[in-house]
Every structure is written in structure tokens, then in C-alpha cells.
Protein backbone atom coordinates (compact mmCIF):
# COMPACT_ATOMS: atom_id res chain seq x y z
CA MET A 1 4.26 40.97 -18.80
CA ILE A 2 1.77 42.22 -16.21
CA ASP A 3 2.24 45.79 -15.10
CA PRO A 4 3.37 45.64 -11.42
CA ARG A 5 1.13 48.58 -10.57
CA LYS A 6 -1.92 46.83 -11.97
CA LEU A 7 -1.00 43.63 -10.15
CA ARG A 8 -0.65 45.50 -6.85
CA ALA A 9 -4.05 47.11 -7.41
CA LEU A 10 -5.66 43.70 -8.00
CA LEU A 11 -4.04 42.31 -4.86
CA ARG A 12 -5.39 45.26 -2.88
CA ALA A 13 -8.82 44.52 -4.35
CA VAL A 14 -8.57 40.92 -3.14
CA VAL A 15 -7.60 42.09 0.34
CA ALA A 16 -10.49 44.58 0.41
CA GLY A 17 -12.95 41.86 -0.61
CA LEU A 18 -11.64 39.45 2.02
CA LEU A 19 -12.02 42.14 4.67
CA ILE A 20 -15.68 42.60 3.75
CA ALA A 21 -16.16 38.81 3.76
CA ALA A 22 -14.62 38.63 7.24
CA SER A 23 -17.12 41.19 8.49
CA VAL A 24 -20.15 38.96 7.82
CA PRO A 25 -21.17 35.78 9.69
CA PRO A 26 -19.85 33.30 10.56
CA TRP A 27 -16.77 35.43 11.17
CA GLY A 28 -18.53 38.66 12.08
CA TRP A 29 -15.55 41.00 12.50
CA TRP A 30 -17.83 43.91 11.61
CA PRO A 31 -15.33 46.86 11.69
CA LEU A 32 -13.43 45.26 8.79
CA ALA A 33 -16.29 46.17 6.42
CA PHE A 34 -15.45 49.85 6.83
CA VAL A 35 -11.81 49.23 5.98
CA GLY A 36 -12.75 47.14 2.95
CA ILE A 37 -15.01 49.89 1.59
CA ALA A 38 -12.32 52.52 2.22
CA MET A 39 -9.82 50.41 0.27
CA TRP A 40 -12.34 50.07 -2.56
CA ASP A 41 -12.65 53.84 -2.71
CA ARG A 42 -8.88 54.21 -2.92
CA LEU A 43 -8.84 51.69 -5.78
CA LEU A 44 -11.40 53.76 -7.70
CA SER A 45 -9.60 57.06 -7.22
CA ASN A 46 -8.26 58.38 -10.55
CA ALA A 47 -8.89 54.99 -12.18
CA LYS A 48 -10.06 54.58 -15.76
CA PRO A 49 -13.48 52.94 -16.31
CA ARG A 50 -11.97 49.58 -17.29
CA ALA A 51 -9.81 49.54 -14.16
CA ARG A 52 -12.75 50.53 -11.95
CA PHE A 53 -14.81 47.66 -13.32
CA ILE A 54 -12.07 45.03 -13.03
CA ARG A 55 -10.95 46.06 -9.56
CA SER A 56 -14.51 46.15 -8.26
CA THR A 57 -15.31 42.74 -9.75
CA VAL A 58 -12.18 41.17 -8.27
CA LEU A 59 -13.03 42.68 -4.88
CA ALA A 60 -16.51 41.16 -5.02
CA ILE A 61 -15.21 37.72 -6.03
CA ALA A 62 -12.93 37.76 -2.99
CA TRP A 63 -15.94 38.79 -0.90
CA PHE A 64 -18.47 36.26 -2.18
CA ALA A 65 -16.27 33.22 -2.82
CA PRO A 66 -15.71 32.43 0.88
CA SER A 67 -18.92 33.90 2.30
CA MET A 68 -21.23 32.07 -0.16
CA LEU A 69 -19.41 28.75 -0.02
CA TRP A 70 -22.56 27.16 1.41
CA MET A 71 -24.04 27.24 -2.09
CA VAL A 72 -21.77 24.38 -3.18
CA ASP A 73 -24.04 22.01 -1.28
CA LEU A 74 -27.20 23.46 -2.82
CA THR A 75 -25.97 23.62 -6.42
CA ALA A 76 -22.29 23.03 -7.14
CA PRO A 77 -22.48 24.41 -10.70
CA GLY A 78 -24.51 27.35 -9.48
CA TYR A 79 -21.92 28.41 -6.91
CA PRO A 80 -19.29 29.82 -9.30
CA ILE A 81 -22.02 31.21 -11.54
CA ALA A 82 -23.61 33.08 -8.64
CA VAL A 83 -20.27 34.36 -7.35
CA ILE A 84 -19.29 35.73 -10.75
CA LEU A 85 -22.76 37.10 -11.51
CA TYR A 86 -23.08 39.00 -8.24
CA ALA A 87 -19.48 40.14 -8.51
CA LEU A 88 -20.38 41.73 -11.84
CA TYR A 89 -23.04 43.74 -10.00
CA VAL A 90 -20.31 45.27 -7.86
CA GLY A 91 -18.20 45.73 -10.98
CA VAL A 92 -20.98 47.80 -12.51
CA ALA A 93 -21.21 49.72 -9.23
CA GLY A 94 -17.53 50.58 -9.67
CA LEU A 95 -18.34 51.96 -13.12
CA ALA A 96 -21.19 53.98 -11.64
CA VAL A 97 -18.74 55.85 -9.41
CA PRO A 98 -17.05 58.79 -11.19
CA GLY A 99 -13.36 58.11 -10.93
CA ARG A 100 -10.74 59.54 -13.25
CA SER A 101 -10.42 63.34 -13.21
CA SER A 102 -13.28 63.71 -10.72
CA ARG A 103 -13.01 65.50 -7.45
CA SER A 104 -12.91 63.23 -4.40
CA TRP A 105 -16.13 64.60 -2.94
CA ILE A 106 -18.01 63.70 -6.12
CA ARG A 107 -16.73 60.13 -5.92
CA TRP A 108 -17.67 59.99 -2.23
CA LEU A 109 -21.17 61.16 -3.07
CA ALA A 110 -21.68 58.27 -5.50
CA LEU A 111 -19.81 55.37 -3.89
CA PRO A 112 -22.16 54.58 -0.97
CA ALA A 113 -25.12 54.92 -3.33
CA ALA A 114 -23.63 52.64 -6.00
CA PHE A 115 -22.67 50.05 -3.40
CA THR A 116 -26.20 50.13 -1.98
CA VAL A 117 -27.83 49.72 -5.39
CA ALA A 118 -25.56 46.75 -6.14
CA GLU A 119 -26.56 45.09 -2.86
CA ALA A 120 -30.25 45.76 -3.53
CA ALA A 121 -29.93 44.35 -7.05
CA ARG A 122 -28.35 41.08 -6.01
CA CYS A 123 -31.04 40.70 -3.33
CA THR A 124 -33.65 40.94 -6.09
CA PHE A 125 -32.39 39.57 -9.43
CA PRO A 126 -32.36 36.99 -10.89
CA PHE A 127 -34.93 34.52 -9.54
CA GLY A 128 -35.73 36.72 -6.56
CA GLY A 129 -32.09 37.25 -5.59
CA VAL A 130 -29.75 35.77 -2.99
CA PRO A 131 -29.62 38.14 0.00
CA LEU A 132 -26.86 36.34 1.89
CA ALA A 133 -23.36 37.49 2.89
CA THR A 134 -24.61 41.09 2.95
CA THR A 135 -22.77 43.84 4.78
CA ALA A 136 -25.93 44.50 6.80
CA MET A 137 -25.72 40.99 8.27
CA GLY A 138 -22.26 41.80 9.56
CA GLN A 139 -23.68 44.76 11.48
CA ALA A 140 -26.65 42.92 13.03
CA SER A 141 -24.94 42.72 16.43
CA ALA A 142 -23.03 45.98 15.98
CA PRO A 143 -24.19 49.56 16.67
CA LEU A 144 -25.05 50.33 13.04
CA GLY A 145 -27.51 47.44 12.98
CA GLN A 146 -30.00 49.66 14.83
CA ILE A 147 -30.32 51.82 11.71
CA ALA A 148 -32.50 49.02 10.30
CA ARG A 149 -35.27 50.32 12.58
CA VAL A 150 -35.66 53.40 10.37
CA LEU A 151 -34.10 52.54 6.98
CA CYS A 152 -34.36 48.72 6.85
CA ALA A 153 -31.34 46.49 6.32
CA ILE A 154 -30.50 48.22 3.04
CA GLY A 155 -30.08 51.44 5.03
CA VAL A 156 -27.50 49.68 7.19
CA THR A 157 -25.59 48.82 4.01
CA PHE A 158 -25.72 52.47 2.98
CA ALA A 159 -24.40 53.56 6.39
CA VAL A 160 -21.53 51.04 6.24
CA ALA A 161 -20.45 52.46 2.88
CA ILE A 162 -20.63 56.02 4.23
CA VAL A 163 -18.31 55.13 7.11
CA GLY A 164 -15.93 53.55 4.60
CA VAL A 165 -15.94 56.77 2.59
CA ALA A 166 -15.25 58.75 5.77
CA LEU A 167 -12.19 56.60 6.45
CA SER A 168 -11.00 57.23 2.91
CA ALA A 169 -11.46 60.98 3.44
CA LEU A 170 -9.37 60.79 6.60
CA TRP A 171 -6.69 58.94 4.61
CA GLU A 172 -6.61 61.91 2.22
CA ARG A 173 -6.28 64.14 5.29
CA ARG A 174 -9.69 65.63 4.68
CA HIS A 175 -10.15 65.54 8.43
CA LEU A 176 -13.08 67.92 8.70
CA LEU A 177 -15.07 66.17 5.98
CA GLY A 178 -14.30 62.76 7.46
CA ALA A 179 -15.32 63.88 10.94
CA ILE A 180 -18.55 65.47 9.71
CA THR A 181 -19.43 62.32 7.77
CA ILE A 182 -18.87 60.04 10.75
CA GLY A 183 -20.81 62.49 12.89
CA GLY A 184 -23.73 62.28 10.47
CA VAL A 185 -23.78 58.49 10.69
CA MET A 186 -23.63 58.69 14.49
CA ALA A 187 -26.58 61.11 14.45
CA LEU A 188 -28.53 58.68 12.27
CA TRP A 189 -27.67 55.84 14.66
CA LEU A 190 -28.80 57.91 17.66
CA PHE A 191 -32.07 58.74 15.92
CA ALA A 192 -32.60 55.04 15.16
CA VAL A 193 -31.97 54.04 18.77
CA PHE A 194 -34.77 56.31 19.98
CA ALA A 195 -37.07 55.90 16.98
CA PRO A 196 -40.49 54.23 17.45
CA SER A 197 -40.20 50.46 17.83
CA GLY A 198 -43.73 49.48 18.80
CA HIS A 199 -45.06 48.76 22.27
CA ASP A 200 -45.76 45.73 24.44
CA ILE A 201 -49.24 44.28 24.66
CA ARG A 202 -48.89 41.23 26.87
CA THR A 203 -46.50 38.48 27.81
CA ILE A 204 -46.72 34.90 26.60
CA SER A 205 -44.51 31.93 27.37
CA ALA A 206 -43.01 30.31 24.28
CA ALA A 207 -40.99 27.18 23.53
CA VAL A 208 -38.83 26.66 20.43
CA VAL A 209 -38.26 22.97 19.70
CA GLN A 210 -35.11 21.56 18.04
CA GLY A 211 -35.25 17.82 17.45
CA GLY A 212 -31.53 17.40 16.79
CA GLY A 213 -29.85 14.87 14.56
CA PRO A 214 -26.87 14.85 12.21
CA GLN A 215 -26.02 18.00 10.30
CA GLY A 216 -25.37 17.71 6.58
CA THR A 217 -28.13 15.25 5.67
CA ARG A 218 -30.77 15.68 2.98
CA ALA A 219 -34.43 14.81 3.18
CA SER A 220 -33.92 12.12 0.52
CA GLU A 221 -31.40 10.42 2.80
CA THR A 222 -33.53 10.59 5.95
CA ASN A 223 -36.60 8.72 7.11
CA PRO A 224 -39.24 11.44 7.64
CA ARG A 225 -40.66 9.48 10.55
CA ASP A 226 -37.32 9.63 12.36
CA VAL A 227 -37.32 13.42 12.10
CA PHE A 228 -40.91 13.58 13.33
CA ASN A 229 -40.18 11.32 16.30
CA ARG A 230 -37.14 13.37 17.30
CA HIS A 231 -39.33 16.45 17.56
CA ILE A 232 -41.99 14.60 19.51
CA GLU A 233 -39.26 13.52 21.94
CA ALA A 234 -37.79 17.00 22.14
CA THR A 235 -41.20 18.53 22.86
CA LYS A 236 -41.38 16.36 25.98
CA LEU A 237 -38.50 18.47 27.31
CA VAL A 238 -40.91 21.40 27.74
CA THR A 239 -40.90 21.72 31.53
CA THR A 240 -43.49 24.41 32.21
CA PRO A 241 -46.91 25.29 30.82
CA VAL A 242 -46.42 27.39 27.68
CA ASP A 243 -48.75 29.38 25.47
CA LEU A 244 -46.89 28.69 22.22
CA VAL A 245 -44.73 25.86 20.88
CA VAL A 246 -42.88 26.35 17.58
CA TRP A 247 -41.54 23.49 15.48
CA PRO A 248 -39.10 23.96 12.56
CA GLU A 249 -39.86 23.99 8.85
CA ASN A 250 -40.86 20.75 7.06
CA VAL A 251 -40.09 18.37 9.95
CA VAL A 252 -43.39 16.69 9.10
CA ALA A 253 -43.23 15.36 5.53
CA VAL A 254 -46.29 13.55 4.20
CA GLU A 255 -47.90 12.62 0.92
CA GLY A 256 -51.30 14.14 0.39
CA PRO A 257 -53.06 16.46 2.84
CA ILE A 258 -51.84 16.34 6.42
CA THR A 259 -55.40 15.55 7.51
CA ALA A 260 -55.20 12.24 5.62
CA ASN A 261 -52.08 11.13 7.52
CA ARG A 262 -51.62 9.73 11.03
CA GLU A 263 -49.28 12.59 11.97
CA ASN A 264 -52.29 14.90 12.02
CA ALA A 265 -53.92 13.02 14.91
CA GLU A 266 -50.60 12.81 16.77
CA LEU A 267 -50.02 16.55 16.49
CA SER A 268 -53.58 17.27 17.60
CA ALA A 269 -53.07 15.05 20.63
CA LEU A 270 -49.76 16.75 21.44
CA ALA A 271 -51.30 20.24 21.34
CA LYS A 272 -54.19 19.08 23.52
CA GLU A 273 -51.86 17.35 25.99
CA LEU A 274 -49.75 20.49 26.38
CA ASN A 275 -52.84 22.73 26.28
CA THR A 276 -50.91 25.02 23.94
CA THR A 277 -50.89 26.57 20.49
CA LEU A 278 -48.59 24.38 18.40
CA VAL A 279 -47.16 25.72 15.11
CA VAL A 280 -45.68 22.96 12.94
CA GLY A 281 -43.71 23.03 9.66
CA ILE A 282 -45.25 20.56 7.22
CA THR A 283 -44.65 19.58 3.59
CA GLU A 284 -47.46 17.91 1.70
CA GLY A 285 -46.87 16.04 -1.53
CA ILE A 286 -49.51 17.21 -4.00
CA ASP A 287 -48.54 15.16 -7.04
CA SER A 288 -45.40 13.90 -8.78
CA SER A 289 -44.32 17.42 -9.72
CA SER A 290 -45.43 19.69 -6.86
CA PHE A 291 -45.65 20.01 -3.09
CA ALA A 292 -46.75 22.51 -0.45
CA ASN A 293 -44.53 23.96 2.30
CA ALA A 294 -46.59 25.39 5.15
CA SER A 295 -46.75 26.31 8.81
CA ILE A 296 -49.94 24.90 10.34
CA VAL A 297 -51.54 25.72 13.69
CA TYR A 298 -52.91 23.14 16.13
CA LEU A 299 -55.06 24.70 18.84
CA PRO A 300 -55.03 23.88 22.58
CA ASP A 301 -58.25 21.83 22.21
CA GLY A 302 -56.62 19.67 19.53
CA THR A 303 -58.43 21.15 16.56
CA SER A 304 -56.68 22.58 13.51
CA GLY A 305 -56.21 26.32 13.10
CA GLU A 306 -54.92 28.49 10.28
CA ARG A 307 -52.07 27.73 7.91
CA TYR A 308 -49.54 29.85 6.04
CA ASP A 309 -47.99 28.54 2.83
CA LYS A 310 -44.51 29.76 2.01
CA VAL A 311 -44.55 32.52 -0.60
CA ARG A 312 -40.89 33.06 -1.48
CA ARG A 313 -39.24 29.81 -2.56
CA VAL A 314 -35.57 28.89 -2.78
CA PRO A 315 -34.47 28.79 -6.45
CA PHE A 316 -32.91 25.41 -7.29
CA GLY A 317 -33.81 24.23 -3.78
CA GLU A 318 -37.61 24.37 -3.74
CA TYR A 319 -38.23 25.00 -7.41
CA VAL A 320 -36.24 25.00 -10.63
CA PRO A 321 -36.53 28.18 -12.71
CA LEU A 322 -36.84 27.45 -16.44
CA ARG A 323 -36.99 23.77 -15.54
CA GLY A 324 -37.22 22.47 -19.11
CA VAL A 325 -34.14 24.37 -20.24
CA ILE A 326 -32.12 23.65 -17.10
CA GLU A 327 -32.87 19.92 -17.10
CA SER A 328 -32.00 19.59 -20.76
CA ILE A 329 -28.58 21.07 -20.00
CA ALA A 330 -27.92 19.49 -16.59
CA GLY A 331 -29.18 16.01 -17.44
CA SER A 332 -31.03 13.47 -15.32
CA ASN A 333 -28.32 13.20 -12.65
CA SER A 334 -28.20 16.92 -11.90
CA GLY A 335 -29.40 16.61 -8.31
CA LEU A 336 -32.14 19.16 -8.96
CA PRO A 337 -35.36 18.79 -6.92
CA ARG A 338 -37.93 16.60 -8.65
CA ARG A 339 -40.84 18.69 -7.41
CA ASP A 340 -41.56 22.40 -7.31
CA ALA A 341 -43.08 24.03 -4.26
CA VAL A 342 -46.41 25.74 -4.93
CA PRO A 343 -46.09 29.33 -3.66
CA GLY A 344 -48.61 30.63 -1.17
CA THR A 345 -50.72 33.69 -1.81
CA GLU A 346 -52.06 34.66 1.62
CA PRO A 347 -50.69 37.27 4.08
CA ALA A 348 -47.88 36.02 6.30
CA VAL A 349 -49.83 35.94 9.56
CA LEU A 350 -51.54 33.27 11.68
CA HIS A 351 -54.34 34.21 14.09
CA THR A 352 -54.12 32.02 17.20
CA PRO A 353 -55.10 32.08 20.90
CA ALA A 354 -51.44 32.85 21.67
CA GLY A 355 -51.57 35.99 19.52
CA ASN A 356 -51.26 37.06 15.91
CA LEU A 357 -48.12 35.37 14.61
CA ALA A 358 -46.23 36.81 11.64
CA VAL A 359 -44.41 34.02 9.79
CA ALA A 360 -41.33 34.03 7.58
CA ILE A 361 -40.54 30.44 6.63
CA SER A 362 -36.80 29.75 6.33
CA TRP A 363 -35.55 31.54 3.16
CA GLU A 364 -38.12 34.27 3.64
CA ILE A 365 -36.34 35.63 6.73
CA PHE A 366 -33.56 36.97 4.50
CA PHE A 367 -36.00 39.36 2.79
CA THR A 368 -37.10 42.55 4.52
CA ASN A 369 -40.53 42.57 2.89
CA ARG A 370 -41.54 39.09 4.07
CA GLY A 371 -41.28 39.89 7.77
CA ARG A 372 -42.74 43.30 7.04
CA ASP A 373 -45.74 41.70 5.32
CA GLY A 374 -46.65 39.69 8.40
CA VAL A 375 -46.33 42.65 10.74
CA LEU A 376 -48.33 44.97 8.48
CA HIS A 377 -51.11 42.37 8.61
CA GLY A 378 -51.17 42.48 12.40
CA GLY A 379 -48.36 40.12 13.43
CA GLN A 380 -47.44 40.64 17.09
CA ILE A 381 -44.41 38.34 17.06
CA LEU A 382 -42.37 36.92 14.16
CA LEU A 383 -41.73 33.21 13.70
CA ASN A 384 -38.94 31.81 11.54
CA PRO A 385 -39.39 28.04 11.21
CA THR A 386 -36.46 26.87 9.10
CA ASN A 387 -34.47 23.84 8.02
CA GLY A 388 -30.76 24.12 7.34
CA SER A 389 -29.92 20.51 8.15
CA SER A 390 -28.61 19.71 4.67
CA TYR A 391 -26.16 22.61 4.40
CA TRP A 392 -22.42 22.12 4.64
CA LEU A 393 -20.69 24.10 7.41
CA THR A 394 -22.68 26.70 9.38
CA GLU A 395 -22.53 29.73 7.07
CA VAL A 396 -26.23 29.70 6.26
CA GLN A 397 -27.23 29.10 9.88
CA THR A 398 -25.15 31.97 11.29
CA GLN A 399 -26.26 34.32 8.53
CA GLN A 400 -29.85 33.32 9.21
CA VAL A 401 -29.55 34.24 12.88
CA ALA A 402 -28.15 37.61 11.78
CA SER A 403 -31.11 38.03 9.42
CA SER A 404 -33.51 37.24 12.26
CA GLN A 405 -31.78 39.96 14.26
CA LEU A 406 -32.25 42.46 11.41
CA ARG A 407 -35.91 41.50 10.97
CA ALA A 408 -36.46 41.93 14.72
CA ILE A 409 -34.96 45.44 14.61
CA GLU A 410 -36.84 46.38 11.44
CA THR A 411 -40.23 45.27 12.74
CA GLY A 412 -39.89 45.88 16.48
CA ARG A 413 -40.96 42.28 17.16
CA TRP A 414 -39.54 39.31 19.02
CA VAL A 415 -38.31 36.61 16.62
CA LEU A 416 -38.46 32.90 17.36
CA GLN A 417 -36.24 30.86 15.02
CA ALA A 418 -36.73 27.09 15.06
CA ALA A 419 -34.42 24.71 13.16
CA PRO A 420 -34.30 20.88 13.32
CA THR A 421 -30.51 20.65 13.72
CA GLY A 422 -29.65 24.27 14.56
CA PHE A 423 -29.36 27.07 14.96
CA SER A 424 -32.57 27.81 16.84
CA ALA A 425 -32.71 31.18 18.56
CA ILE A 426 -34.78 33.71 20.47
CA VAL A 427 -34.19 37.34 19.49
CA THR A 428 -35.45 40.52 21.18
CA PRO A 429 -36.92 43.49 19.27
CA ASP A 430 -33.54 45.24 19.71
CA GLY A 431 -31.81 42.39 17.89
CA ASP A 432 -30.20 40.79 20.94
CA VAL A 433 -29.91 36.98 20.83
CA LEU A 434 -31.05 35.80 24.26
CA GLN A 435 -30.74 32.08 23.56
CA ARG A 436 -29.24 29.99 20.78
CA THR A 437 -28.81 26.25 20.41
CA SER A 438 -25.78 24.36 19.19
CA ILE A 439 -25.63 22.31 16.01
CA SER A 440 -27.20 18.82 16.13
CA GLU A 441 -28.30 18.99 19.78
CA GLN A 442 -31.80 18.11 20.91
CA ALA A 443 -33.05 21.10 22.84
CA VAL A 444 -35.96 23.31 23.77
CA LEU A 445 -35.60 27.05 24.26
CA GLU A 446 -38.19 28.45 26.66
CA GLN A 447 -38.69 32.18 27.14
CA ASP A 448 -41.30 34.70 28.21
CA VAL A 449 -41.74 36.98 25.21
CA MET A 450 -43.88 40.02 24.54
CA LEU A 451 -46.61 40.35 21.97
CA ARG A 452 -46.14 43.80 20.46
CA SER A 453 -48.08 46.29 18.39
CA GLY A 454 -47.21 49.49 16.55
CA ASP A 455 -44.98 50.12 13.54
CA THR A 456 -41.37 51.11 13.14
CA ILE A 457 -40.39 53.65 10.50
CA ALA A 458 -38.83 50.80 8.51
CA THR A 459 -42.09 48.86 8.58
CA VAL A 460 -43.98 51.86 7.24
CA ILE A 461 -41.61 52.96 4.46
CA GLY A 462 -39.91 49.69 3.47
CA PRO A 463 -36.56 49.48 1.65
CA LEU A 464 -37.49 51.30 -1.56
CA PRO A 465 -36.80 54.91 -0.40
CA VAL A 466 -33.13 54.12 0.28
CA VAL A 467 -32.75 52.57 -3.18
CA VAL A 468 -34.41 55.57 -4.83
CA LEU A 469 -32.22 57.97 -2.85
CA SER A 470 -29.14 56.01 -3.92
CA LEU A 471 -30.07 56.21 -7.60
CA LEU A 472 -30.66 59.95 -7.21
CA LEU A 473 -27.25 60.46 -5.58
CA ILE A 474 -25.53 58.59 -8.42
CA ALA A 475 -27.27 60.84 -10.95
CA ILE A 476 -26.29 63.98 -9.02
CA ALA A 477 -22.67 62.82 -8.77
CA TRP A 478 -22.46 62.31 -12.52
CA TRP A 479 -24.10 65.68 -13.11
CA PHE A 480 -21.30 67.26 -11.11
CA ALA A 481 -18.63 65.05 -12.71
CA THR A 482 -19.56 66.08 -16.24
CA ASN A 483 -18.76 69.73 -15.41
CA ARG A 484 -22.37 70.86 -15.74
CA PHE A 485 -22.09 72.32 -12.27
CA ALA A 486 -19.14 74.40 -13.38
CA THR A 487 -21.04 75.50 -16.48
CA LEU A 488 -24.02 76.53 -14.38
CA ARG A 489 -21.81 78.44 -11.98
CA SER A 490 -20.14 80.33 -14.82
CA LYS A 491 -23.51 81.59 -16.02
CA PHE A 492 -24.12 83.32 -12.71
CA ARG A 493 -20.56 84.62 -12.24
CA PRO A 494 -20.48 88.46 -12.39
CA GLN A 495 -18.99 89.72 -15.64
CA GLN A 496 -16.04 92.10 -15.34
CA SER A 497 -16.39 95.37 -17.18
CA ALA A 498 -13.84 96.30 -19.81
């Protein structure tokens, strides 16, 4: 028979995980993340290692199962595997927090750090990680989101965990400690608000094109020419002269080089007709086993400009890791992509008459270092051409908008997100969403935006310092927890004379 106390603890873990899930898009009830973390801390208090691991893993399953449900459409077998795998990361984080027989302040020193390391790990391993449903996304429109300007998105995660610890301290009636902790986070937020965010250079007029069409369809089920024509039609909705027109990812799908296909001449004519810089998402079939995914520039005179080939690919979406092994297990009807995308190797920036354009194609917008790469190479605005038309529900799309907000704050750049069936969006350097389309509508978003220069602190330092600090805090916490601090103190305690 199950111990009622253990059962109640597991139920509290489920509730805590659901609260964290509810804090991220598409729900976005961001204060609930603090409560979920505080409940996690209470679950770890005085718990044995086995209990800390199990409770933390259960919490994470309740967090990831609803917030990563989109993955069912990408890889149904991979969905439960990913949920359990990334839940184990949080389970290990629970083990990394000193629990039983440790003072509360030692646990509070380690918990935010362990949580942060777990988030960083699942955004990195395996196969490059899956940085979706993160706590930072939930704060993109909230005050703490501004911390990304100095400590990147991973610093926002760290701050969320600190606030959760502060709530737990208040629950233990450690009012002074809780107040000081919250005050420290507020001071960090205030510093981030006034931290360097770059400066304006000049204004350009931009148009983000969304061709529309049914949501939930795959490329294999759609005539590529229909998608192309929808975006030609949508571009005709541009009502004023614009300096820059942005099309979504892979809405032009051809076999062989784009220059050998009729779409090339049509795009050249369109750019010349509008007298604008046109950036188009194109896939080129290279051979039976590979393809290229790129953003290509067409100049106002109709000639071709630079191109950027996507560097970070979607595992099991744009390439199959360990293809031979996976296919032998999954079989011929696995639904895996037949071709692998060839990763690009060049910096994520396009030099155009409209300005230097940093580019993060679709999946890349979820990674801090991809937007950062383009800006460090001179990008004055950040483009996110994407394609989420095949995904079930709108989890990926809403989380992508949140990621665009975080990248805007991190880099101090405007972000233009273009999607064929939504969501397309225009985001300010402060992370505010000025315009956003609806799903499946045909629309054009027009906006005067600023080309910007200068670096934020986050752009300069990247995410690594927060991860290193977190690992150091975990080590310090365990040093205290193993009574070495007490041993050291006893060495320096004055000896009483006989």
C-alpha cells in the first residue's frame, strides 16, 4: 500500500509542475512559475535523495507533458521520450540540491543554480537540445524578461528560481531573508532596464508577408506552387513604398539551385517592381538525400544578393541523427524526413541596401547564440523567417513569438518574424509585440523600424557566465552541507584556557 504522505508529496509535485507549465505560452500566466518553484523547494526540504529525485522528475513530467505537446506532430514516438528525458534532467537537479539535514539557506543557495543548469542542459543536449517551454519564455512579456538584456534568457530562468526561493523563505517566516532576496532581484531588474541596449542609426520601412492557408498541413501534402502564389498575392497588399520585404522560411521549394528555376525570375521581377530589398525563404533540393534551407536576398534592381544557409537544424524535422540506427528501428513507414538539411557555415548576417540584417531561421530563434551571432557580425535588425504551418495547435507559434521577444531584449534589435500561416510579428528592442497576425490569415504587417548598432551586456558575455556561476553555487552549497564550513570555523574558534 502506498504511503499517504508519499502520495500527497507526488500530487503536490504534479501541481507544482502544472503551475510552471501554465506560466509559459500559450497560457502565459507568468506569476505561477514562482509558486511552482516555491512548491518544488518545499518538496525538497528534509527529503532523502531518492525522494528528491522522484519528486523533481514527477514535477518536470507535469511541466513538459502539456507544454511540449506540439512534439506529437513532429515525432509521436519522440514526444514521450523527450518528456521523460528532460524530466530526468530536473530530477538530477533535485539531487543536486542538498536536502535532508541541511539548513534552509544552503538549499536556497543551490536550488536556483541547479534549476538553471537543468534548463541549460536540456537546451543543449542531446542533438542540440530542445529549448521550448522554458520558464524564460513565460517571462518574455513580464518585468523579469528585461533581465535578458544583461544575463541572456538563462539569466531570466535563474531570476525566476530566485523569486521562487524567496516565496519559500517567506513561507518559513524568514521574512527578512525573503524580502532581501526579492529586493536583490528587483535591483537586478532595475539595472537591466537601464543597461545599454544599443542606439538607433536610421529608420527603414519594413513589410512582413504572411501568405495564409490552412494550419496543420505538411509540405508533402501541399503543392509548393500554391504556397508561392499565396505569398505573391499577399505581397500585393503592400500599400506604401517599403525598404524591406520579408517572406517566411521555405515558402519557395525547388529542386536544384533557385537560379535554375522560374521562381528566381519571378522574385527578381517582384523586388524590382516594388523597388525594395526582398528576403525570401527558399529550400533547394540538392540530391535524393540532402537539401539546403536558406534566406536569399533580391535587390531593388532585381539582381540577387547574399544568402544565409540555416546553421542549426531541427532534429528529426530537418535531419535524422544516427539515421542508419533510427531507420532500422523505426522502419520504412516512420514518417522521418527522407532528406537531411545541409547546415550552413557562414555568419548569420545579410548585407543589403536596407541595412545589415541578422538572420535566425525558424528553429534558430530559440537559441540565444544564433541571434547573438548575427548581431556580433554587424546585424542592425534581426529577421526570423519561420514555418510552423505543419504543427498541431499553436504552442510552437506562441512560444516562438516569446523567443523573438527574448532575442530582441538580448540583442537590443527589432525582430521581424514572418510565418506562412502565422504567427508573424513585429517586436521592439524592449520585447514589446507591436503587431501580430492571426493563424491562417493572409496579411502584411507594415512598420517603420529602426536599424540599431551597439551591444547589450548579454550580447557581449553570452549565456555561459550564468551557467558557470550556477555550477559554482552548487559546489559551494555542497561544501557548506558537508559540514566543512563548520570544521573550518572550529579551527579559528578561540580555545578556552583550563
